[in-house]
Amino acid sequence: QPTQPTSSRWRRITKIAAVIALPVA
C-alpha cells in the first residue's frame, strides 16, 4: 500500500472502528 490511505483500508477500518471514540457515523 502507498503512504496515502486507500479504499481497501476502509474495509479493514470498519472491522475495528468500534474500539475508538470517534463514531463511524
mmCIF file of all heavy atoms, coordinates in Angstrom:
data_MODEL
# 
_entry.id   MODEL 
# 
loop_
_atom_site.group_PDB 
_atom_site.id 
_atom_site.type_symbol 
_atom_site.label_atom_id 
_atom_site.label_alt_id 
_atom_site.label_comp_id 
_atom_site.label_asym_id 
_atom_site.label_entity_id 
_atom_site.label_seq_id 
_atom_site.pdbx_PDB_ins_code 
_atom_site.Cartn_x 
_atom_site.Cartn_y 
_atom_site.Cartn_z 
_atom_site.occupancy 
_atom_site.B_iso_or_equiv 
_atom_site.pdbx_formal_charge 
_atom_site.auth_seq_id 
_atom_site.auth_comp_id 
_atom_site.auth_asym_id 
_atom_site.auth_atom_id 
_atom_site.pdbx_PDB_model_num 
ATOM 1   N N   . GLN A 1 1  ? 0.822   -1.193 0.000  1.00 0.00 ? 1  GLN A N   1 
ATOM 2   C CA  . GLN A 1 1  ? 0.000   0.000  0.000  1.00 0.00 ? 1  GLN A CA  1 
ATOM 3   C C   . GLN A 1 1  ? 0.860   1.248  0.000  1.00 0.00 ? 1  GLN A C   1 
ATOM 4   O O   . GLN A 1 1  ? 1.975   1.243  0.503  1.00 0.00 ? 1  GLN A O   1 
ATOM 5   C CB  . GLN A 1 1  ? -0.906  0.034  1.236  1.00 0.00 ? 1  GLN A CB  1 
ATOM 6   C CG  . GLN A 1 1  ? -1.910  -1.108 1.250  1.00 0.00 ? 1  GLN A CG  1 
ATOM 7   C CD  . GLN A 1 1  ? -2.778  -1.063 2.469  1.00 0.00 ? 1  GLN A CD  1 
ATOM 8   O OE1 . GLN A 1 1  ? -2.453  -0.414 3.439  1.00 0.00 ? 1  GLN A OE1 1 
ATOM 9   N NE2 . GLN A 1 1  ? -3.886  -1.755 2.430  1.00 0.00 ? 1  GLN A NE2 1 
ATOM 10  N N   . PRO A 1 2  ? 0.326   2.351  -0.522 1.00 0.00 ? 2  PRO A N   1 
ATOM 11  C CA  . PRO A 1 2  ? 1.063   3.603  -0.518 1.00 0.00 ? 2  PRO A CA  1 
ATOM 12  C C   . PRO A 1 2  ? 0.945   4.292  0.814  1.00 0.00 ? 2  PRO A C   1 
ATOM 13  O O   . PRO A 1 2  ? 0.196   3.869  1.684  1.00 0.00 ? 2  PRO A O   1 
ATOM 14  C CB  . PRO A 1 2  ? 0.351   4.411  -1.604 1.00 0.00 ? 2  PRO A CB  1 
ATOM 15  C CG  . PRO A 1 2  ? -1.052  3.935  -1.504 1.00 0.00 ? 2  PRO A CG  1 
ATOM 16  C CD  . PRO A 1 2  ? -0.974  2.471  -1.162 1.00 0.00 ? 2  PRO A CD  1 
ATOM 17  N N   . THR A 1 3  ? 1.664   5.409  0.972  1.00 0.00 ? 3  THR A N   1 
ATOM 18  C CA  . THR A 1 3  ? 1.561   6.187  2.188  1.00 0.00 ? 3  THR A CA  1 
ATOM 19  C C   . THR A 1 3  ? 0.156   6.743  2.367  1.00 0.00 ? 3  THR A C   1 
ATOM 20  O O   . THR A 1 3  ? -0.361  6.823  3.464  1.00 0.00 ? 3  THR A O   1 
ATOM 21  C CB  . THR A 1 3  ? 2.575   7.339  2.158  1.00 0.00 ? 3  THR A CB  1 
ATOM 22  O OG1 . THR A 1 3  ? 3.881   6.790  2.031  1.00 0.00 ? 3  THR A OG1 1 
ATOM 23  C CG2 . THR A 1 3  ? 2.502   8.153  3.439  1.00 0.00 ? 3  THR A CG2 1 
ATOM 24  N N   . GLN A 1 4  ? -0.500  7.114  1.276  1.00 0.00 ? 4  GLN A N   1 
ATOM 25  C CA  . GLN A 1 4  ? -1.826  7.667  1.361  1.00 0.00 ? 4  GLN A CA  1 
ATOM 26  C C   . GLN A 1 4  ? -2.839  6.563  1.647  1.00 0.00 ? 4  GLN A C   1 
ATOM 27  O O   . GLN A 1 4  ? -2.680  5.442  1.211  1.00 0.00 ? 4  GLN A O   1 
ATOM 28  C CB  . GLN A 1 4  ? -2.220  8.364  0.046  1.00 0.00 ? 4  GLN A CB  1 
ATOM 29  C CG  . GLN A 1 4  ? -1.336  9.542  -0.281 1.00 0.00 ? 4  GLN A CG  1 
ATOM 30  C CD  . GLN A 1 4  ? -0.097  9.134  -1.037 1.00 0.00 ? 4  GLN A CD  1 
ATOM 31  O OE1 . GLN A 1 4  ? 0.226   7.964  -1.129 1.00 0.00 ? 4  GLN A OE1 1 
ATOM 32  N NE2 . GLN A 1 4  ? 0.603   10.104 -1.565 1.00 0.00 ? 4  GLN A NE2 1 
ATOM 33  N N   . PRO A 1 5  ? -3.952  6.859  2.373  1.00 0.00 ? 5  PRO A N   1 
ATOM 34  C CA  . PRO A 1 5  ? -4.972  5.858  2.633  1.00 0.00 ? 5  PRO A CA  1 
ATOM 35  C C   . PRO A 1 5  ? -5.672  5.468  1.350  1.00 0.00 ? 5  PRO A C   1 
ATOM 36  O O   . PRO A 1 5  ? -5.856  6.277  0.454  1.00 0.00 ? 5  PRO A O   1 
ATOM 37  C CB  . PRO A 1 5  ? -5.941  6.570  3.593  1.00 0.00 ? 5  PRO A CB  1 
ATOM 38  C CG  . PRO A 1 5  ? -5.746  8.014  3.328  1.00 0.00 ? 5  PRO A CG  1 
ATOM 39  C CD  . PRO A 1 5  ? -4.285  8.158  2.973  1.00 0.00 ? 5  PRO A CD  1 
ATOM 40  N N   . THR A 1 6  ? -6.108  4.192  1.257  1.00 0.00 ? 6  THR A N   1 
ATOM 41  C CA  . THR A 1 6  ? -6.826  3.718  0.089  1.00 0.00 ? 6  THR A CA  1 
ATOM 42  C C   . THR A 1 6  ? -8.167  3.165  0.517  1.00 0.00 ? 6  THR A C   1 
ATOM 43  O O   . THR A 1 6  ? -8.400  2.878  1.685  1.00 0.00 ? 6  THR A O   1 
ATOM 44  C CB  . THR A 1 6  ? -6.041  2.603  -0.634 1.00 0.00 ? 6  THR A CB  1 
ATOM 45  O OG1 . THR A 1 6  ? -5.980  1.474  0.232  1.00 0.00 ? 6  THR A OG1 1 
ATOM 46  C CG2 . THR A 1 6  ? -4.648  3.053  -0.987 1.00 0.00 ? 6  THR A CG2 1 
ATOM 47  N N   . SER A 1 7  ? -9.047  2.948  -0.454 1.00 0.00 ? 7  SER A N   1 
ATOM 48  C CA  . SER A 1 7  ? -10.372 2.445  -0.134 1.00 0.00 ? 7  SER A CA  1 
ATOM 49  C C   . SER A 1 7  ? -10.316 1.034  0.416  1.00 0.00 ? 7  SER A C   1 
ATOM 50  O O   . SER A 1 7  ? -11.211 0.607  1.131  1.00 0.00 ? 7  SER A O   1 
ATOM 51  C CB  . SER A 1 7  ? -11.263 2.504  -1.370 1.00 0.00 ? 7  SER A CB  1 
ATOM 52  O OG  . SER A 1 7  ? -10.654 1.883  -2.465 1.00 0.00 ? 7  SER A OG  1 
ATOM 53  N N   . SER A 1 8  ? -9.276  0.254  0.098  1.00 0.00 ? 8  SER A N   1 
ATOM 54  C CA  . SER A 1 8  ? -9.159  -1.077 0.673  1.00 0.00 ? 8  SER A CA  1 
ATOM 55  C C   . SER A 1 8  ? -8.970  -0.997 2.175  1.00 0.00 ? 8  SER A C   1 
ATOM 56  O O   . SER A 1 8  ? -9.409  -1.859 2.919  1.00 0.00 ? 8  SER A O   1 
ATOM 57  C CB  . SER A 1 8  ? -7.994  -1.831 0.035  1.00 0.00 ? 8  SER A CB  1 
ATOM 58  O OG  . SER A 1 8  ? -6.789  -1.187 0.278  1.00 0.00 ? 8  SER A OG  1 
ATOM 59  N N   . ARG A 1 9  ? -8.298  0.035  2.627  1.00 0.00 ? 9  ARG A N   1 
ATOM 60  C CA  . ARG A 1 9  ? -8.117  0.214  4.064  1.00 0.00 ? 9  ARG A CA  1 
ATOM 61  C C   . ARG A 1 9  ? -9.457  0.447  4.746  1.00 0.00 ? 9  ARG A C   1 
ATOM 62  O O   . ARG A 1 9  ? -9.677  0.047  5.878  1.00 0.00 ? 9  ARG A O   1 
ATOM 63  C CB  . ARG A 1 9  ? -7.209  1.398  4.338  1.00 0.00 ? 9  ARG A CB  1 
ATOM 64  C CG  . ARG A 1 9  ? -5.751  1.114  4.033  1.00 0.00 ? 9  ARG A CG  1 
ATOM 65  C CD  . ARG A 1 9  ? -4.925  2.319  4.354  1.00 0.00 ? 9  ARG A CD  1 
ATOM 66  N NE  . ARG A 1 9  ? -3.539  2.058  4.085  1.00 0.00 ? 9  ARG A NE  1 
ATOM 67  C CZ  . ARG A 1 9  ? -2.643  3.007  3.973  1.00 0.00 ? 9  ARG A CZ  1 
ATOM 68  N NH1 . ARG A 1 9  ? -3.000  4.260  4.087  1.00 0.00 ? 9  ARG A NH1 1 
ATOM 69  N NH2 . ARG A 1 9  ? -1.389  2.725  3.745  1.00 0.00 ? 9  ARG A NH2 1 
ATOM 70  N N   . TRP A 1 10 ? -10.357 1.117  4.059  1.00 0.00 ? 10 TRP A N   1 
ATOM 71  C CA  . TRP A 1 10 ? -11.646 1.429  4.663  1.00 0.00 ? 10 TRP A CA  1 
ATOM 72  C C   . TRP A 1 10 ? -12.378 0.165  5.069  1.00 0.00 ? 10 TRP A C   1 
ATOM 73  O O   . TRP A 1 10 ? -13.012 0.110  6.113  1.00 0.00 ? 10 TRP A O   1 
ATOM 74  C CB  . TRP A 1 10 ? -12.474 2.229  3.673  1.00 0.00 ? 10 TRP A CB  1 
ATOM 75  C CG  . TRP A 1 10 ? -13.836 2.556  4.200  1.00 0.00 ? 10 TRP A CG  1 
ATOM 76  C CD1 . TRP A 1 10 ? -15.037 2.062  3.789  1.00 0.00 ? 10 TRP A CD1 1 
ATOM 77  C CD2 . TRP A 1 10 ? -14.132 3.452  5.268  1.00 0.00 ? 10 TRP A CD2 1 
ATOM 78  N NE1 . TRP A 1 10 ? -16.047 2.586  4.507  1.00 0.00 ? 10 TRP A NE1 1 
ATOM 79  C CE2 . TRP A 1 10 ? -15.527 3.441  5.429  1.00 0.00 ? 10 TRP A CE2 1 
ATOM 80  C CE3 . TRP A 1 10 ? -13.354 4.244  6.093  1.00 0.00 ? 10 TRP A CE3 1 
ATOM 81  C CZ2 . TRP A 1 10 ? -16.162 4.210  6.398  1.00 0.00 ? 10 TRP A CZ2 1 
ATOM 82  C CZ3 . TRP A 1 10 ? -13.987 5.016  7.049  1.00 0.00 ? 10 TRP A CZ3 1 
ATOM 83  C CH2 . TRP A 1 10 ? -15.369 4.993  7.200  1.00 0.00 ? 10 TRP A CH2 1 
ATOM 84  N N   . ARG A 1 11 ? -12.289 -0.891 4.243  1.00 0.00 ? 11 ARG A N   1 
ATOM 85  C CA  . ARG A 1 11 ? -12.950 -2.132 4.578  1.00 0.00 ? 11 ARG A CA  1 
ATOM 86  C C   . ARG A 1 11 ? -12.400 -2.695 5.879  1.00 0.00 ? 11 ARG A C   1 
ATOM 87  O O   . ARG A 1 11 ? -13.132 -3.238 6.697  1.00 0.00 ? 11 ARG A O   1 
ATOM 88  C CB  . ARG A 1 11 ? -12.753 -3.159 3.458  1.00 0.00 ? 11 ARG A CB  1 
ATOM 89  C CG  . ARG A 1 11 ? -13.315 -2.730 2.119  1.00 0.00 ? 11 ARG A CG  1 
ATOM 90  C CD  . ARG A 1 11 ? -13.514 -3.935 1.216  1.00 0.00 ? 11 ARG A CD  1 
ATOM 91  N NE  . ARG A 1 11 ? -12.330 -4.768 1.157  1.00 0.00 ? 11 ARG A NE  1 
ATOM 92  C CZ  . ARG A 1 11 ? -11.368 -4.602 0.255  1.00 0.00 ? 11 ARG A CZ  1 
ATOM 93  N NH1 . ARG A 1 11 ? -11.449 -3.644 -0.633 1.00 0.00 ? 11 ARG A NH1 1 
ATOM 94  N NH2 . ARG A 1 11 ? -10.329 -5.397 0.249  1.00 0.00 ? 11 ARG A NH2 1 
ATOM 95  N N   . ARG A 1 12 ? -11.079 -2.568 6.084  1.00 0.00 ? 12 ARG A N   1 
ATOM 96  C CA  . ARG A 1 12 ? -10.471 -3.096 7.304  1.00 0.00 ? 12 ARG A CA  1 
ATOM 97  C C   . ARG A 1 12 ? -10.780 -2.200 8.500  1.00 0.00 ? 12 ARG A C   1 
ATOM 98  O O   . ARG A 1 12 ? -10.973 -2.676 9.605  1.00 0.00 ? 12 ARG A O   1 
ATOM 99  C CB  . ARG A 1 12 ? -8.955  -3.194 7.106  1.00 0.00 ? 12 ARG A CB  1 
ATOM 100 C CG  . ARG A 1 12 ? -8.582  -4.162 5.981  1.00 0.00 ? 12 ARG A CG  1 
ATOM 101 C CD  . ARG A 1 12 ? -8.966  -5.571 6.320  1.00 0.00 ? 12 ARG A CD  1 
ATOM 102 N NE  . ARG A 1 12 ? -8.708  -6.470 5.209  1.00 0.00 ? 12 ARG A NE  1 
ATOM 103 C CZ  . ARG A 1 12 ? -8.970  -7.760 5.245  1.00 0.00 ? 12 ARG A CZ  1 
ATOM 104 N NH1 . ARG A 1 12 ? -9.499  -8.303 6.308  1.00 0.00 ? 12 ARG A NH1 1 
ATOM 105 N NH2 . ARG A 1 12 ? -8.720  -8.520 4.190  1.00 0.00 ? 12 ARG A NH2 1 
ATOM 106 N N   . ILE A 1 13 ? -10.809 -0.900 8.282  1.00 0.00 ? 13 ILE A N   1 
ATOM 107 C CA  . ILE A 1 13 ? -11.078 0.034  9.375  1.00 0.00 ? 13 ILE A CA  1 
ATOM 108 C C   . ILE A 1 13 ? -12.431 -0.237 9.992  1.00 0.00 ? 13 ILE A C   1 
ATOM 109 O O   . ILE A 1 13 ? -12.606 -0.209 11.210 1.00 0.00 ? 13 ILE A O   1 
ATOM 110 C CB  . ILE A 1 13 ? -11.010 1.488  8.871  1.00 0.00 ? 13 ILE A CB  1 
ATOM 111 C CG1 . ILE A 1 13 ? -9.573  1.837  8.492  1.00 0.00 ? 13 ILE A CG1 1 
ATOM 112 C CG2 . ILE A 1 13 ? -11.526 2.477  9.908  1.00 0.00 ? 13 ILE A CG2 1 
ATOM 113 C CD1 . ILE A 1 13 ? -9.465  3.086  7.663  1.00 0.00 ? 13 ILE A CD1 1 
ATOM 114 N N   . THR A 1 14 ? -13.445 -0.519 9.171  1.00 0.00 ? 14 THR A N   1 
ATOM 115 C CA  . THR A 1 14 ? -14.793 -0.698 9.687  1.00 0.00 ? 14 THR A CA  1 
ATOM 116 C C   . THR A 1 14 ? -14.912 -1.920 10.582 1.00 0.00 ? 14 THR A C   1 
ATOM 117 O O   . THR A 1 14 ? -15.837 -1.998 11.394 1.00 0.00 ? 14 THR A O   1 
ATOM 118 C CB  . THR A 1 14 ? -15.804 -0.817 8.532  1.00 0.00 ? 14 THR A CB  1 
ATOM 119 O OG1 . THR A 1 14 ? -15.416 -1.861 7.652  1.00 0.00 ? 14 THR A OG1 1 
ATOM 120 C CG2 . THR A 1 14 ? -15.894 0.486  7.764  1.00 0.00 ? 14 THR A CG2 1 
ATOM 121 N N   . LYS A 1 15 ? -13.972 -2.873 10.479 1.00 0.00 ? 15 LYS A N   1 
ATOM 122 C CA  . LYS A 1 15 ? -13.997 -4.056 11.336 1.00 0.00 ? 15 LYS A CA  1 
ATOM 123 C C   . LYS A 1 15 ? -13.630 -3.728 12.777 1.00 0.00 ? 15 LYS A C   1 
ATOM 124 O O   . LYS A 1 15 ? -14.029 -4.419 13.697 1.00 0.00 ? 15 LYS A O   1 
ATOM 125 C CB  . LYS A 1 15 ? -13.035 -5.114 10.792 1.00 0.00 ? 15 LYS A CB  1 
ATOM 126 C CG  . LYS A 1 15 ? -13.452 -5.716 9.473  1.00 0.00 ? 15 LYS A CG  1 
ATOM 127 C CD  . LYS A 1 15 ? -12.380 -6.615 8.914  1.00 0.00 ? 15 LYS A CD  1 
ATOM 128 C CE  . LYS A 1 15 ? -12.059 -7.757 9.849  1.00 0.00 ? 15 LYS A CE  1 
ATOM 129 N NZ  . LYS A 1 15 ? -11.020 -8.645 9.286  1.00 0.00 ? 15 LYS A NZ  1 
ATOM 130 N N   . ILE A 1 16 ? -12.829 -2.657 12.971 1.00 0.00 ? 16 ILE A N   1 
ATOM 131 C CA  . ILE A 1 16 ? -12.308 -2.384 14.307 1.00 0.00 ? 16 ILE A CA  1 
ATOM 132 C C   . ILE A 1 16 ? -12.601 -0.973 14.797 1.00 0.00 ? 16 ILE A C   1 
ATOM 133 O O   . ILE A 1 16 ? -12.171 -0.583 15.875 1.00 0.00 ? 16 ILE A O   1 
ATOM 134 C CB  . ILE A 1 16 ? -10.788 -2.633 14.349 1.00 0.00 ? 16 ILE A CB  1 
ATOM 135 C CG1 . ILE A 1 16 ? -10.086 -1.916 13.196 1.00 0.00 ? 16 ILE A CG1 1 
ATOM 136 C CG2 . ILE A 1 16 ? -10.486 -4.099 14.318 1.00 0.00 ? 16 ILE A CG2 1 
ATOM 137 C CD1 . ILE A 1 16 ? -8.584  -2.110 13.191 1.00 0.00 ? 16 ILE A CD1 1 
ATOM 138 N N   . ALA A 1 17 ? -13.396 -0.247 14.040 1.00 0.00 ? 17 ALA A N   1 
ATOM 139 C CA  . ALA A 1 17 ? -13.639 1.154  14.391 1.00 0.00 ? 17 ALA A CA  1 
ATOM 140 C C   . ALA A 1 17 ? -14.385 1.316  15.704 1.00 0.00 ? 17 ALA A C   1 
ATOM 141 O O   . ALA A 1 17 ? -14.368 2.389  16.314 1.00 0.00 ? 17 ALA A O   1 
ATOM 142 C CB  . ALA A 1 17 ? -14.420 1.844  13.276 1.00 0.00 ? 17 ALA A CB  1 
ATOM 143 N N   . ALA A 1 18 ? -15.057 0.265  16.173 1.00 0.00 ? 18 ALA A N   1 
ATOM 144 C CA  . ALA A 1 18 ? -15.830 0.371  17.401 1.00 0.00 ? 18 ALA A CA  1 
ATOM 145 C C   . ALA A 1 18 ? -14.970 0.609  18.617 1.00 0.00 ? 18 ALA A C   1 
ATOM 146 O O   . ALA A 1 18 ? -15.468 1.042  19.663 1.00 0.00 ? 18 ALA A O   1 
ATOM 147 C CB  . ALA A 1 18 ? -16.659 -0.904 17.603 1.00 0.00 ? 18 ALA A CB  1 
ATOM 148 N N   . VAL A 1 19 ? -13.678 0.354  18.540 1.00 0.00 ? 19 VAL A N   1 
ATOM 149 C CA  . VAL A 1 19 ? -12.824 0.500  19.712 1.00 0.00 ? 19 VAL A CA  1 
ATOM 150 C C   . VAL A 1 19 ? -12.356 1.931  19.921 1.00 0.00 ? 19 VAL A C   1 
ATOM 151 O O   . VAL A 1 19 ? -11.681 2.214  20.901 1.00 0.00 ? 19 VAL A O   1 
ATOM 152 C CB  . VAL A 1 19 ? -11.579 -0.410 19.612 1.00 0.00 ? 19 VAL A CB  1 
ATOM 153 C CG1 . VAL A 1 19 ? -11.998 -1.849 19.445 1.00 0.00 ? 19 VAL A CG1 1 
ATOM 154 C CG2 . VAL A 1 19 ? -10.665 0.031  18.469 1.00 0.00 ? 19 VAL A CG2 1 
ATOM 155 N N   . ILE A 1 20 ? -12.684 2.827  19.012 1.00 0.00 ? 20 ILE A N   1 
ATOM 156 C CA  . ILE A 1 20 ? -12.229 4.204  19.154 1.00 0.00 ? 20 ILE A CA  1 
ATOM 157 C C   . ILE A 1 20 ? -13.396 5.107  19.487 1.00 0.00 ? 20 ILE A C   1 
ATOM 158 O O   . ILE A 1 20 ? -14.561 4.767  19.284 1.00 0.00 ? 20 ILE A O   1 
ATOM 159 C CB  . ILE A 1 20 ? -11.519 4.698  17.878 1.00 0.00 ? 20 ILE A CB  1 
ATOM 160 C CG1 . ILE A 1 20 ? -12.480 4.655  16.687 1.00 0.00 ? 20 ILE A CG1 1 
ATOM 161 C CG2 . ILE A 1 20 ? -10.294 3.882  17.588 1.00 0.00 ? 20 ILE A CG2 1 
ATOM 162 C CD1 . ILE A 1 20 ? -11.881 5.237  15.424 1.00 0.00 ? 20 ILE A CD1 1 
ATOM 163 N N   . ALA A 1 21 ? -13.086 6.271  20.008 1.00 0.00 ? 21 ALA A N   1 
ATOM 164 C CA  . ALA A 1 21 ? -14.119 7.188  20.458 1.00 0.00 ? 21 ALA A CA  1 
ATOM 165 C C   . ALA A 1 21 ? -14.844 7.856  19.307 1.00 0.00 ? 21 ALA A C   1 
ATOM 166 O O   . ALA A 1 21 ? -15.994 8.253  19.440 1.00 0.00 ? 21 ALA A O   1 
ATOM 167 C CB  . ALA A 1 21 ? -13.503 8.257  21.371 1.00 0.00 ? 21 ALA A CB  1 
ATOM 168 N N   . LEU A 1 22 ? -14.199 8.026  18.176 1.00 0.00 ? 22 LEU A N   1 
ATOM 169 C CA  . LEU A 1 22 ? -14.813 8.701  17.036 1.00 0.00 ? 22 LEU A CA  1 
ATOM 170 C C   . LEU A 1 22 ? -15.817 7.787  16.378 1.00 0.00 ? 22 LEU A C   1 
ATOM 171 O O   . LEU A 1 22 ? -15.468 6.753  15.841 1.00 0.00 ? 22 LEU A O   1 
ATOM 172 C CB  . LEU A 1 22 ? -13.731 9.067  16.018 1.00 0.00 ? 22 LEU A CB  1 
ATOM 173 C CG  . LEU A 1 22 ? -14.183 9.912  14.822 1.00 0.00 ? 22 LEU A CG  1 
ATOM 174 C CD1 . LEU A 1 22 ? -14.704 11.265 15.292 1.00 0.00 ? 22 LEU A CD1 1 
ATOM 175 C CD2 . LEU A 1 22 ? -13.032 10.091 13.853 1.00 0.00 ? 22 LEU A CD2 1 
ATOM 176 N N   . PRO A 1 23 ? -17.092 8.119  16.395 1.00 0.00 ? 23 PRO A N   1 
ATOM 177 C CA  . PRO A 1 23 ? -18.111 7.216  15.844 1.00 0.00 ? 23 PRO A CA  1 
ATOM 178 C C   . PRO A 1 23 ? -17.960 7.050  14.347 1.00 0.00 ? 23 PRO A C   1 
ATOM 179 O O   . PRO A 1 23 ? -17.620 7.971  13.628 1.00 0.00 ? 23 PRO A O   1 
ATOM 180 C CB  . PRO A 1 23 ? -19.433 7.920  16.178 1.00 0.00 ? 23 PRO A CB  1 
ATOM 181 C CG  . PRO A 1 23 ? -19.096 8.933  17.233 1.00 0.00 ? 23 PRO A CG  1 
ATOM 182 C CD  . PRO A 1 23 ? -17.668 9.325  16.997 1.00 0.00 ? 23 PRO A CD  1 
ATOM 183 N N   . VAL A 1 24 ? -18.278 5.856  13.891 1.00 0.00 ? 24 VAL A N   1 
ATOM 184 C CA  . VAL A 1 24 ? -18.235 5.595  12.463 1.00 0.00 ? 24 VAL A CA  1 
ATOM 185 C C   . VAL A 1 24 ? -19.210 6.503  11.729 1.00 0.00 ? 24 VAL A C   1 
ATOM 186 O O   . VAL A 1 24 ? -18.965 6.930  10.610 1.00 0.00 ? 24 VAL A O   1 
ATOM 187 C CB  . VAL A 1 24 ? -18.565 4.116  12.177 1.00 0.00 ? 24 VAL A CB  1 
ATOM 188 C CG1 . VAL A 1 24 ? -18.699 3.865  10.682 1.00 0.00 ? 24 VAL A CG1 1 
ATOM 189 C CG2 . VAL A 1 24 ? -17.505 3.211  12.765 1.00 0.00 ? 24 VAL A CG2 1 
ATOM 190 N N   . ALA A 1 25 ? -20.331 6.819  12.389 1.00 0.00 ? 25 ALA A N   1 
ATOM 191 C CA  . ALA A 1 25 ? -21.324 7.684  11.745 1.00 0.00 ? 25 ALA A CA  1 
ATOM 192 C C   . ALA A 1 25 ? -20.750 9.042  11.390 1.00 0.00 ? 25 ALA A C   1 
ATOM 193 O O   . ALA A 1 25 ? -21.077 9.615  10.345 1.00 0.00 ? 25 ALA A O   1 
ATOM 194 C CB  . ALA A 1 25 ? -22.529 7.865  12.666 1.00 0.00 ? 25 ALA A CB  1 
# 
